[in-house]
Amino acid sequence: MRSEAVFETNYEIGEPQEVYVGEAMIRFRELRRDIYSSDRVTILNDFSVQGLGQQVRYRRGSTYPYGGVTQVNGAEFDFFIDNGRGMIFNATGQLQDIALIGVPRYAPRFSDPIIVPNGDGFVGREEVEDDQIEPDGANYEIVYSGLDGDTLRMTYREYTEGNMARSAFFQALSYPVSSPSIRFRDLVISVDSATSESIRFNVISDGR
């Protein structure tokens, strides 16, 4: 598994923005993307396997999780997992005439011989990636609160990972309206114009 940082924002660095009183100038959320690598096995042609107490049909394009490696008569073979069975195949991808029973929950044992149609029963193995995104780190917004004389008013709101506002993490911010730019923590914001109704600005830097 490998991880990488992911950021959700309502702005782009250097892009002009305009918001109205009560709207979020800045919305920033840090996430973590966990990337998992795994193997899967794809059926390459239609075929049926007889034995295992039933006839099992496999359709071209179907996929199954890769199970690992087992030994048959001293040689190593791969297998994929299908409904508690480990279907064994060789290096060329052809199914063998024996399978594992009780995979993966029980102690696996070999089945009685099964019948795989001659020349059929081919599979391919490939590595695939899956990912999952989780909250991880900063989660806040800065809301424009308007003008108070010569002062810009804003409100900083910090949120939990589940996006619930925490009252102890509200903070009132104020800056001179004449300031060409304002700074808060890692944020540097250039202010183009501001009125009692709206503010035009762009984010110069956010510390990333």
C-alpha atoms as a PDB file:
ATOM      1  CA  MET A   1       0.000   0.000   0.000  1.00  0.00           C
ATOM      2  CA  ARG A   2       1.126   3.545  -0.639  1.00  0.00           C
ATOM      3  CA  SER A   3      -0.456   6.815   0.432  1.00  0.00           C
ATOM      4  CA  GLU A   4      -0.587  10.322  -1.005  1.00  0.00           C
ATOM      5  CA  ALA A   5      -2.068  13.623   0.148  1.00  0.00           C
ATOM      6  CA  VAL A   6      -5.225  14.881  -1.559  1.00  0.00           C
ATOM      7  CA  PHE A   7      -6.642  18.392  -1.117  1.00  0.00           C
ATOM      8  CA  GLU A   8     -10.184  19.663  -1.659  1.00  0.00           C
ATOM      9  CA  THR A   9     -10.443  23.437  -2.130  1.00  0.00           C
ATOM     10  CA  ASN A  10     -12.959  25.914  -3.551  1.00  0.00           C
ATOM     11  CA  TYR A  11     -10.200  27.984  -5.177  1.00  0.00           C
ATOM     12  CA  GLU A  12      -7.176  27.740  -7.432  1.00  0.00           C
ATOM     13  CA  ILE A  13      -3.915  29.519  -6.734  1.00  0.00           C
ATOM     14  CA  GLY A  14      -3.750  32.812  -8.637  1.00  0.00           C
ATOM     15  CA  GLU A  15      -7.321  32.610  -9.983  1.00  0.00           C
ATOM     16  CA  PRO A  16      -9.618  35.620  -9.267  1.00  0.00           C
ATOM     17  CA  GLN A  17     -12.534  34.863  -6.952  1.00  0.00           C
ATOM     18  CA  GLU A  18     -15.589  36.771  -5.784  1.00  0.00           C
ATOM     19  CA  VAL A  19     -17.858  35.858  -2.887  1.00  0.00           C
ATOM     20  CA  TYR A  20     -20.657  37.585  -1.028  1.00  0.00           C
ATOM     21  CA  VAL A  21     -21.168  38.156   2.661  1.00  0.00           C
ATOM     22  CA  GLY A  22     -21.762  34.842   4.418  1.00  0.00           C
ATOM     23  CA  GLU A  23     -20.057  32.791   1.705  1.00  0.00           C
ATOM     24  CA  ALA A  24     -16.792  30.892   2.079  1.00  0.00           C
ATOM     25  CA  MET A  25     -13.800  32.657   0.584  1.00  0.00           C
ATOM     26  CA  ILE A  26     -11.603  29.706   1.438  1.00  0.00           C
ATOM     27  CA  ARG A  27     -12.601  26.101   1.879  1.00  0.00           C
ATOM     28  CA  PHE A  28      -9.737  23.695   2.485  1.00  0.00           C
ATOM     29  CA  ARG A  29      -9.769  20.025   3.384  1.00  0.00           C
ATOM     30  CA  GLU A  30      -6.842  17.648   3.573  1.00  0.00           C
ATOM     31  CA  LEU A  31      -7.415  13.995   2.754  1.00  0.00           C
ATOM     32  CA  ARG A  32      -5.311  10.863   2.412  1.00  0.00           C
ATOM     33  CA  ARG A  33      -5.561   8.550  -0.562  1.00  0.00           C
ATOM     34  CA  ASP A  34      -4.507   4.995   0.250  1.00  0.00           C
ATOM     35  CA  ILE A  35      -3.649   3.003  -2.862  1.00  0.00           C
ATOM     36  CA  TYR A  36      -3.777  -0.761  -2.685  1.00  0.00           C
ATOM     37  CA  SER A  37      -2.252  -3.118  -5.228  1.00  0.00           C
ATOM     38  CA  SER A  38      -3.753  -6.551  -5.678  1.00  0.00           C
ATOM     39  CA  ASP A  39      -3.857  -9.315  -8.240  1.00  0.00           C
ATOM     40  CA  ARG A  40      -6.892 -10.629 -10.055  1.00  0.00           C
ATOM     41  CA  VAL A  41      -7.465 -13.401 -12.532  1.00  0.00           C
ATOM     42  CA  THR A  42      -9.526 -12.966 -15.710  1.00  0.00           C
ATOM     43  CA  ILE A  43     -11.239 -15.813 -17.569  1.00  0.00           C
ATOM     44  CA  LEU A  44      -9.986 -15.789 -21.171  1.00  0.00           C
ATOM     45  CA  ASN A  45     -12.534 -18.121 -22.786  1.00  0.00           C
ATOM     46  CA  ASP A  46     -15.888 -19.736 -22.003  1.00  0.00           C
ATOM     47  CA  PHE A  47     -15.602 -23.202 -20.488  1.00  0.00           C
ATOM     48  CA  SER A  48     -17.139 -25.556 -17.926  1.00  0.00           C
ATOM     49  CA  VAL A  49     -15.434 -27.640 -15.269  1.00  0.00           C
ATOM     50  CA  GLN A  50     -16.980 -30.940 -14.177  1.00  0.00           C
ATOM     51  CA  GLY A  51     -16.448 -32.310 -10.715  1.00  0.00           C
ATOM     52  CA  LEU A  52     -16.475 -30.585  -7.332  1.00  0.00           C
ATOM     53  CA  GLY A  53     -19.975 -32.008  -6.938  1.00  0.00           C
ATOM     54  CA  GLN A  54     -21.350 -29.885  -9.766  1.00  0.00           C
ATOM     55  CA  GLN A  55     -20.654 -28.380 -13.140  1.00  0.00           C
ATOM     56  CA  VAL A  56     -19.018 -24.973 -12.814  1.00  0.00           C
ATOM     57  CA  ARG A  57     -19.256 -22.578 -15.738  1.00  0.00           C
ATOM     58  CA  TYR A  58     -16.821 -19.777 -16.391  1.00  0.00           C
ATOM     59  CA  ARG A  59     -17.540 -16.902 -18.738  1.00  0.00           C
ATOM     60  CA  ARG A  60     -14.962 -14.980 -20.704  1.00  0.00           C
ATOM     61  CA  GLY A  61     -14.150 -11.644 -19.071  1.00  0.00           C
ATOM     62  CA  SER A  62     -15.212 -12.677 -15.557  1.00  0.00           C
ATOM     63  CA  THR A  63     -12.685 -11.843 -12.856  1.00  0.00           C
ATOM     64  CA  TYR A  64     -11.759 -13.524  -9.588  1.00  0.00           C
ATOM     65  CA  PRO A  65      -9.332 -12.674  -6.776  1.00  0.00           C
ATOM     66  CA  TYR A  66      -5.894 -14.183  -7.046  1.00  0.00           C
ATOM     67  CA  GLY A  67      -5.371 -16.674  -4.222  1.00  0.00           C
ATOM     68  CA  GLY A  68      -1.643 -17.307  -4.151  1.00  0.00           C
ATOM     69  CA  VAL A  69       0.619 -20.273  -4.733  1.00  0.00           C
ATOM     70  CA  THR A  70       0.207 -23.936  -3.816  1.00  0.00           C
ATOM     71  CA  GLN A  71       2.278 -27.044  -4.445  1.00  0.00           C
ATOM     72  CA  VAL A  72       1.069 -29.987  -6.482  1.00  0.00           C
ATOM     73  CA  ASN A  73       3.395 -33.008  -6.630  1.00  0.00           C
ATOM     74  CA  GLY A  74       6.324 -30.821  -5.604  1.00  0.00           C
ATOM     75  CA  ALA A  75       5.704 -28.135  -8.250  1.00  0.00           C
ATOM     76  CA  GLU A  76       4.332 -24.638  -7.595  1.00  0.00           C
ATOM     77  CA  PHE A  77       1.075 -23.506  -9.179  1.00  0.00           C
ATOM     78  CA  ASP A  78      -1.035 -20.353  -8.870  1.00  0.00           C
ATOM     79  CA  PHE A  79      -4.740 -20.413  -8.050  1.00  0.00           C
ATOM     80  CA  PHE A  80      -7.713 -18.069  -8.008  1.00  0.00           C
ATOM     81  CA  ILE A  81     -10.557 -18.113  -5.508  1.00  0.00           C
ATOM     82  CA  ASP A  82     -14.105 -18.940  -6.558  1.00  0.00           C
ATOM     83  CA  ASN A  83     -16.778 -19.637  -3.943  1.00  0.00           C
ATOM     84  CA  GLY A  84     -14.411 -21.280  -1.477  1.00  0.00           C
ATOM     85  CA  ARG A  85     -12.507 -23.163  -4.159  1.00  0.00           C
ATOM     86  CA  GLY A  86      -8.945 -22.566  -5.226  1.00  0.00           C
ATOM     87  CA  MET A  87      -8.886 -23.138  -8.988  1.00  0.00           C
ATOM     88  CA  ILE A  88      -5.313 -24.087  -9.853  1.00  0.00           C
ATOM     89  CA  PHE A  89      -3.607 -23.003 -13.080  1.00  0.00           C
ATOM     90  CA  ASN A  90      -0.126 -23.342 -14.522  1.00  0.00           C
ATOM     91  CA  ALA A  91       2.358 -20.802 -15.863  1.00  0.00           C
ATOM     92  CA  THR A  92       0.567 -20.598 -19.218  1.00  0.00           C
ATOM     93  CA  GLY A  93      -2.773 -19.941 -17.517  1.00  0.00           C
ATOM     94  CA  GLN A  94      -4.372 -23.346 -18.140  1.00  0.00           C
ATOM     95  CA  LEU A  95      -6.551 -24.807 -15.395  1.00  0.00           C
ATOM     96  CA  GLN A  96      -5.368 -28.060 -13.824  1.00  0.00           C
ATOM     97  CA  ASP A  97      -7.381 -31.188 -13.072  1.00  0.00           C
ATOM     98  CA  ILE A  98      -7.321 -30.613  -9.308  1.00  0.00           C
ATOM     99  CA  ALA A  99      -8.543 -27.810  -7.051  1.00  0.00           C
ATOM    100  CA  LEU A 100      -8.288 -26.653  -3.467  1.00  0.00           C
ATOM    101  CA  ILE A 101     -11.375 -26.933  -1.253  1.00  0.00           C
ATOM    102  CA  GLY A 102     -12.025 -24.660   1.740  1.00  0.00           C
ATOM    103  CA  VAL A 103     -10.228 -21.531   0.527  1.00  0.00           C
ATOM    104  CA  PRO A 104      -9.603 -19.251   2.326  1.00  0.00           C
ATOM    105  CA  ARG A 105     -11.621 -19.862   5.523  1.00  0.00           C
ATOM    106  CA  TYR A 106     -10.678 -23.448   6.297  1.00  0.00           C
ATOM    107  CA  ALA A 107      -7.574 -25.588   6.059  1.00  0.00           C
ATOM    108  CA  PRO A 108      -7.441 -26.174   2.294  1.00  0.00           C
ATOM    109  CA  ARG A 109      -7.418 -29.715   0.949  1.00  0.00           C
ATOM    110  CA  PHE A 110      -7.144 -31.020  -2.575  1.00  0.00           C
ATOM    111  CA  SER A 111     -10.274 -32.088  -4.392  1.00  0.00           C
ATOM    112  CA  ASP A 112     -10.864 -35.288  -6.266  1.00  0.00           C
ATOM    113  CA  PRO A 113      -9.815 -35.039  -9.926  1.00  0.00           C
ATOM    114  CA  ILE A 114     -11.892 -32.638 -11.997  1.00  0.00           C
ATOM    115  CA  ILE A 115     -12.435 -32.528 -15.734  1.00  0.00           C
ATOM    116  CA  VAL A 116     -11.292 -29.461 -17.665  1.00  0.00           C
ATOM    117  CA  PRO A 117     -12.122 -29.529 -21.386  1.00  0.00           C
ATOM    118  CA  ASN A 118      -8.986 -30.216 -23.389  1.00  0.00           C
ATOM    119  CA  GLY A 119      -7.538 -27.018 -24.823  1.00  0.00           C
ATOM    120  CA  ASP A 120      -9.914 -24.796 -22.856  1.00  0.00           C
ATOM    121  CA  GLY A 121      -9.820 -23.372 -19.367  1.00  0.00           C
ATOM    122  CA  PHE A 122      -7.350 -20.532 -19.783  1.00  0.00           C
ATOM    123  CA  VAL A 123      -7.007 -17.583 -17.455  1.00  0.00           C
ATOM    124  CA  GLY A 124      -4.800 -14.516 -17.211  1.00  0.00           C
ATOM    125  CA  ARG A 125      -3.400 -12.833 -14.131  1.00  0.00           C
ATOM    126  CA  GLU A 126      -2.929  -9.078 -13.794  1.00  0.00           C
ATOM    127  CA  GLU A 127      -2.144  -6.537 -11.108  1.00  0.00           C
ATOM    128  CA  VAL A 128      -4.826  -3.952 -10.377  1.00  0.00           C
ATOM    129  CA  GLU A 129      -5.020  -0.942  -8.097  1.00  0.00           C
ATOM    130  CA  ASP A 130      -7.823   0.192  -5.825  1.00  0.00           C
ATOM    131  CA  ASP A 131      -7.928   3.245  -3.633  1.00  0.00           C
ATOM    132  CA  GLN A 132      -9.705   4.665  -0.631  1.00  0.00           C
ATOM    133  CA  ILE A 133      -9.844   8.311   0.439  1.00  0.00           C
ATOM    134  CA  GLU A 134      -9.996   9.197   4.141  1.00  0.00           C
ATOM    135  CA  PRO A 135      -9.980  12.509   6.056  1.00  0.00           C
ATOM    136  CA  ASP A 136      -6.492  13.334   7.274  1.00  0.00           C
ATOM    137  CA  GLY A 137      -5.446  16.732   8.581  1.00  0.00           C
ATOM    138  CA  ALA A 138      -6.689  20.285   8.160  1.00  0.00           C
ATOM    139  CA  ASN A 139     -10.372  20.978   7.481  1.00  0.00           C
ATOM    140  CA  TYR A 140     -11.468  24.614   7.617  1.00  0.00           C
ATOM    141  CA  GLU A 141     -13.096  27.538   5.846  1.00  0.00           C
ATOM    142  CA  ILE A 142     -12.877  31.335   5.970  1.00  0.00           C
ATOM    143  CA  VAL A 143     -16.172  33.158   5.507  1.00  0.00           C
ATOM    144  CA  TYR A 144     -16.448  36.773   4.395  1.00  0.00           C
ATOM    145  CA  SER A 145     -18.323  38.810   7.018  1.00  0.00           C
ATOM    146  CA  GLY A 146     -18.287  42.220   5.279  1.00  0.00           C
ATOM    147  CA  LEU A 147     -16.897  45.656   6.127  1.00  0.00           C
ATOM    148  CA  ASP A 148     -16.903  47.443   9.446  1.00  0.00           C
ATOM    149  CA  GLY A 149     -15.716  50.958   8.649  1.00  0.00           C
ATOM    150  CA  ASP A 150     -12.191  50.532   7.352  1.00  0.00           C
ATOM    151  CA  THR A 151     -11.911  46.934   8.524  1.00  0.00           C
ATOM    152  CA  LEU A 152     -12.396  43.705   6.623  1.00  0.00           C
ATOM    153  CA  ARG A 153     -14.240  41.129   8.712  1.00  0.00           C
ATOM    154  CA  MET A 154     -13.919  37.370   8.237  1.00  0.00           C
ATOM    155  CA  THR A 155     -14.693  34.272  10.256  1.00  0.00           C
ATOM    156  CA  TYR A 156     -12.440  31.251  10.474  1.00  0.00           C
ATOM    157  CA  ARG A 157     -14.275  27.959  11.062  1.00  0.00           C
ATOM    158  CA  GLU A 158     -12.472  24.720  11.774  1.00  0.00           C
ATOM    159  CA  TYR A 159     -14.217  21.402  11.284  1.00  0.00           C
ATOM    160  CA  THR A 160     -13.757  17.882  12.513  1.00  0.00           C
ATOM    161  CA  GLU A 161     -12.846  15.123  10.078  1.00  0.00           C
ATOM    162  CA  GLY A 162     -16.572  14.334   9.800  1.00  0.00           C
ATOM    163  CA  ASN A 163     -17.281  17.946   8.685  1.00  0.00           C
ATOM    164  CA  MET A 164     -18.933  18.935  11.976  1.00  0.00           C
ATOM    165  CA  ALA A 165     -18.225  22.507  13.105  1.00  0.00           C
ATOM    166  CA  ARG A 166     -16.479  22.810  16.454  1.00  0.00           C
ATOM    167  CA  SER A 167     -17.622  25.935  18.344  1.00  0.00           C
ATOM    168  CA  ALA A 168     -14.305  26.178  20.175  1.00  0.00           C
ATOM    169  CA  PHE A 169     -12.570  26.609  16.818  1.00  0.00           C
ATOM    170  CA  PHE A 170     -14.430  29.645  15.503  1.00  0.00           C
ATOM    171  CA  GLN A 171     -12.264  32.740  15.232  1.00  0.00           C
ATOM    172  CA  ALA A 172     -13.098  36.299  14.158  1.00  0.00           C
ATOM    173  CA  LEU A 173     -10.525  37.814  11.790  1.00  0.00           C
ATOM    174  CA  SER A 174     -10.061  41.488  10.929  1.00  0.00           C
ATOM    175  CA  TYR A 175      -7.731  43.289   8.517  1.00  0.00           C
ATOM    176  CA  PRO A 176      -7.359  46.885   7.317  1.00  0.00           C
ATOM    177  CA  VAL A 177      -9.361  47.384   4.126  1.00  0.00           C
ATOM    178  CA  SER A 178      -6.369  49.229   2.669  1.00  0.00           C
ATOM    179  CA  SER A 179      -4.134  46.154   2.892  1.00  0.00           C
ATOM    180  CA  PRO A 180      -3.203  44.895  -0.604  1.00  0.00           C
ATOM    181  CA  SER A 181      -2.865  41.397   0.805  1.00  0.00           C
ATOM    182  CA  ILE A 182      -3.670  39.586   4.015  1.00  0.00           C
ATOM    183  CA  ARG A 183      -2.046  36.634   5.714  1.00  0.00           C
ATOM    184  CA  PHE A 184      -3.543  33.978   7.969  1.00  0.00           C
ATOM    185  CA  ARG A 185      -1.390  31.038   8.944  1.00  0.00           C
ATOM    186  CA  ASP A 186      -0.116  29.591   5.637  1.00  0.00           C
ATOM    187  CA  LEU A 187      -2.596  31.559   3.541  1.00  0.00           C
ATOM    188  CA  VAL A 188      -1.649  34.671   1.604  1.00  0.00           C
ATOM    189  CA  ILE A 189      -4.619  36.392  -0.068  1.00  0.00           C
ATOM    190  CA  SER A 190      -4.467  39.349  -2.433  1.00  0.00           C
ATOM    191  CA  VAL A 191      -7.513  41.621  -2.049  1.00  0.00           C
ATOM    192  CA  ASP A 192      -8.581  43.376  -5.249  1.00  0.00           C
ATOM    193  CA  SER A 193     -11.690  45.115  -3.896  1.00  0.00           C
ATOM    194  CA  ALA A 194     -14.126  44.819  -1.025  1.00  0.00           C
ATOM    195  CA  THR A 195     -17.557  46.233  -0.225  1.00  0.00           C
ATOM    196  CA  SER A 196     -20.138  45.607   2.462  1.00  0.00           C
ATOM    197  CA  GLU A 197     -21.684  43.033   0.117  1.00  0.00           C
ATOM    198  CA  SER A 198     -18.797  41.214  -1.584  1.00  0.00           C
ATOM    199  CA  ILE A 199     -15.049  40.793  -1.897  1.00  0.00           C
ATOM    200  CA  ARG A 200     -12.856  40.140  -4.919  1.00  0.00           C
ATOM    201  CA  PHE A 201      -9.563  38.381  -4.232  1.00  0.00           C
ATOM    202  CA  ASN A 202      -7.204  35.621  -5.248  1.00  0.00           C
ATOM    203  CA  VAL A 203      -5.187  33.158  -3.225  1.00  0.00           C
ATOM    204  CA  ILE A 204      -1.466  33.680  -3.723  1.00  0.00           C
ATOM    205  CA  SER A 205      -0.289  30.821  -1.521  1.00  0.00           C
ATOM    206  CA  ASP A 206      -1.746  28.257   0.851  1.00  0.00           C
ATOM    207  CA  GLY A 207       1.422  26.605   2.113  1.00  0.00           C
ATOM    208  CA  ARG A 208       1.348  23.538  -0.103  1.00  0.00           C
END
